[in-house]
Amino acid sequence: MDIRTLKENKVVESLNGKWLFSIDHEDNQDWHNRLAEAPENIIQVPGSWEEQGYGTNSSHYPIGTWKKDLEYEGAAWYINDILIPDSLKGLKTKLILKGVRWHTELWIDGKLVGKGESLVAPHSFDITSHVESGKKHHFAIKVDNRMDLALHESHIHSYHTATNWGGITGGIEIEGVIPHTITDIKIQSNTVDKSIDLQVQLNHEGLKQCKRSLSVKVISAEGHVVTVEEREILNHSTLLDELFLLRLGENAQVWSPENPYLYQLELTTYHDGEIYDTRTESFGLRTFKADKNQFLLNEEPVFLSGYVDCCIFPQTGYPVWDKEYYQENFKIVKSYGFNHVRLHGWTAPEPFWQAADEEGMLVQTELPHWSVFYRERENDAPEEVNLFLKRELERIIHNLHLHPSFVLLSMGNELTNQEGHPQLNQFVQFARELDSTRLFTDNTGFGELPANDRAGDFYIPTLNWHPPYHINQAALPDTTSDFREVTRLEEKPLIAHEHGQFTMYVRPQEAELYKGVIKPSWLDSIQETLQIKGLEHRVDEFIEATGVHMVRTLKEGMEKARRTPNLAGIQLLDIRDFPGQGHATVGILDVFWNSKRVITPEVFSQFNSQTILLMRSCKRTYFVGETLKASLEVSHFGKPATSAKLKWTLSSEDTTIAEGIQTIHNLVSGHNTELTQLEVILPEGSSRKLQLAAAIEIDGTIYQNQWDFWSMSRGKLPDNQSRIWSNENSLRSIMYGAKFEKLIGIKQHSHVQVNGVDLAITNRISRDVLQYLIDGGSVWLMAQPNEAYDEIPTKYLPIFWNYLWFSGQAGTTMGMIIDEHPALKHFPHDRFTDWQWYHIVNDTVALNLDSLPQVKPIVEVIDNFNRAKRLAYAFETKVGNGKLFVSTFNFLEKNTMKQPEIHTLYLELLNYLNSEEFNPTSSISVGELLNVFKLRSLY
């Protein structure tokens, strides 16, 4: 082939296939010198060692992450005799290894060609002087996947995510490039003028004198030539930068998530009027920049609706090299309203970026570390670490420059303490010098605001943990709350770091989906626990109930962030479950990108897109007859609106209570706009659930959202109020006329028959109450903290991340299942956790019923799946001749008792316990009762 008539400037020969292979356990093999010998084993390229049976099964059995069937960390050799094709004659030739970690060596015919290192890019070796076309050469490739530097928790090779994989997973190829040709291309877009500034670097080293010229052609996605420019190259220097200003015309299309339009750039060099070579690259006409606290995409405000990609590949244990795989994933996440993804401590392979360009995703990538070396401001990181990361930074920016999907880069995950680190600032400055068209920050997640001397074009604070906020208030029934106390501290764009992290129950059915070398070992210990406790048949119930709770909490948590003034984006952790770190079931999808059927894309995108409706109200519960007050606002990003119309409806089931329609003026882009203030008098009647639904039509597109409220009847005290006894004085404000005494049925030291008492309400099991119960009395035990032997402190919110990783958090349960019980028939609920329960159960305890299997909870608390206790907020049973009702609801605080939902529920239960319906079906002995509750003395 005449290389001077090539249509492209390179020849690529794949070396994928079978290679001779040897594991080098002792790191002492010398296959590069043993040219007459060959290993006995065979391996397929591409692929990992473990996939092909190499490695050993370790005795480590993780209970909080997955496990590989086989594992090997160390050196291994690939051996092959390669015939160099004639097509490479006269070309500058490279050997490229794709998908390797972390260190490589290349030997040809016993001579060392070079060494490679990288976790973010292919390893490339110049073999021009080592091979000859038409001749066979002996190739020996050494791959070493050991942790050369202490960067273990980067997700590219953390045991919890991509695993400690080894091999050549992306393939081997020889690339031949014409000498004296184009070496680099840089593009800077101008979406206002619809033009690009093009910089072309040419290498003319050793080129004989000739007449040279360069032609630049831009071709549309439809195949039409948009513009052409040709010029003669007069300079004869070794490296030459040619600058072009190319105008694409007024009708040029800009690249965006909504319109991922790609142009083709075709560069052709001519020598003495003949085509010498051609290089073609795709690009998008796209600008992305920071403007005070906003991101601007193509000069318009954009909100980064993002999720975190933690390098999770459950079938392989390493990043796949398949563009269609990534394309399908991006289509899924975009259906849920996402336009942005953060790569957590890794940089994806080339097919990922091709897919992101074509499908329209805005990507933040990161240096491959989650290290502790930059935690102490006064101490430098080890020099070898700092230099390695600087080289990786250069490789990332060089390889990704032409991808319009690449917009943000962080120097790593959670690297600093509160005040940042000077060396991270140096990284940011170095990155800006390499590429002024991207935005950079010092690290993701850590460092408090104001940033002071921290270098960053934007910052990513953890809103739920940044002072003055705490994860326990991540979502509340008060929807007037937001994170403005953080965003007011900085004038640069801020993205919410790893937002969400609420969990649902484990799904054992996913085990059958693992077809590769990874197995969900975390599931075995959970399954064993559930089996021993006899809960296997309840798992589907738990999945449904906790899935509902997670979604309701997640919706409010994301809307709380979106209500925040001057917030530029959210990075949700995660749209998928996280397989490690205790196994975090935080996703609405499983690790295989399958829906968990807890929410549809259409509903999720209502609170996760460029335009969403928001609601502010200080409470979700009202008494009937009160005025429900709420405001509606819209968070709108993108093009400014020319017309908008709002419609809202407050309804209960099929009955409309109030509604309104109005035209909206002055709807700006990039900010939240208040639309209307609602004041609706709630009609009299029984307690019921209400729904506020709103829809706004903006330039022909309709956006909608909805929120639940509850109206509560005021209730009535029972007629036998004077026949109710209690030793709890805090109930005096509601129990008018009841008997308030310290003891029941005790005169001095002896028991006396109790007359004139239909119900005893107490906060503890004492000897007098126990005797009254045994003799046939009805008792309502309002169990308080520290009155039971095995009680679990709870929060309304589902457990954060998981129990194994954060066992000390305030709440370690996952939601409720409310029985269809006559005690609750007048209290509105749908069997699952919702905001009308928040003040009733938040900061209270759940009681362990493991020792009382015959007792069925009325309000069941779902424990985390690692512990799997049978828990309850409320239950009833018979003891002796008496009837016992137990609850741990927040009934004994005057402040909370005045809440409509608590007041109403209290009276509903009080009337139930005074009715004939109070007739428990289970019975327990005195010993079983005292096994659960502490017996208190009289004095």
Foldseek 3Di string as FASTA:
>chain_A
DPLQAAAAFKDKFFPWFKWFKDDDQPPPDDVLACVVDTHPDIDTPPAFCLQVPDADADPDQDQFFWGFRGDDAFKMKTKDWDAAAPVQPQFFKKKKFAFFDAKKWKHKNSHTQDIAGDQADIGITGCPVPDDHRDIIMIMMMGGQHDPDPFQPQLQDHCQALHSIGGRNQGIMMMTGHPFAWDAKFWDAQLVQQKIKIKTKTFQPPPDDFWKKKKKWKAWPVGHTQDIDMDTDDDRDRIDIDIDIGHRDPPDDADALVRLTKIKIKMFMDTNRGTRHIHIDIAGRWAWAWDFAFIAISNWGFFQLAAEDSNHDLQRSHAHDDLVLLLVLLVLVVLLAGQEYEYAQHHHDPSNLVSCSVNHHAYEYEHRGPDAQWADQVDHRPPVVLVNSLVNLLVVCRVCNRRPNYAEYEHHAPHYAAQTHVSLLVSQVVSCVSPVRHWYFSYAAHHAPPNVPGDGQEYEHQQCVHPPHHVLVLFAQQLVAARQVRLVRGRHHYEHGQFQQFAFADDVVCQVVHDHRMGLSSVVLLVVVCVVLVNPVVRVVRRQQLLLQSVQRSLRSLLRHLQHWSHRYYHHHRLEWRRRLSTRRRHCAYSSRHGPPSDDSQQSSQSRHQKHKHKGARHQEAAAQAKGKMWIKMAHIDDFFPWKKKKKFKAFVPGTQDIDIDIDPDRGHPGIDIDDMGIGRGHDDFKGKMKMKMWMATPRDIRIHMDIGIYHYLFDADPLLCQEEECFVLCCVPSPNYHHDLAAQDDPHDGHDGPSHQEYEYQAAAPRVVVCQQVAHEYEHQHFPPFWPDKAWAALGHDRRACVNCVPDRHFFRWKAADCAQLCVRPDDDRHRDNLCHQFRGGWIWFFCSLPVQWDERIWIGGHSSNGTTTHQWTKAGENNYIYIYGNTPCRDNVSCPGSSNVRSVNSNSVCSSDPSRDDPHHDYPVSVCNTGPYDYSD
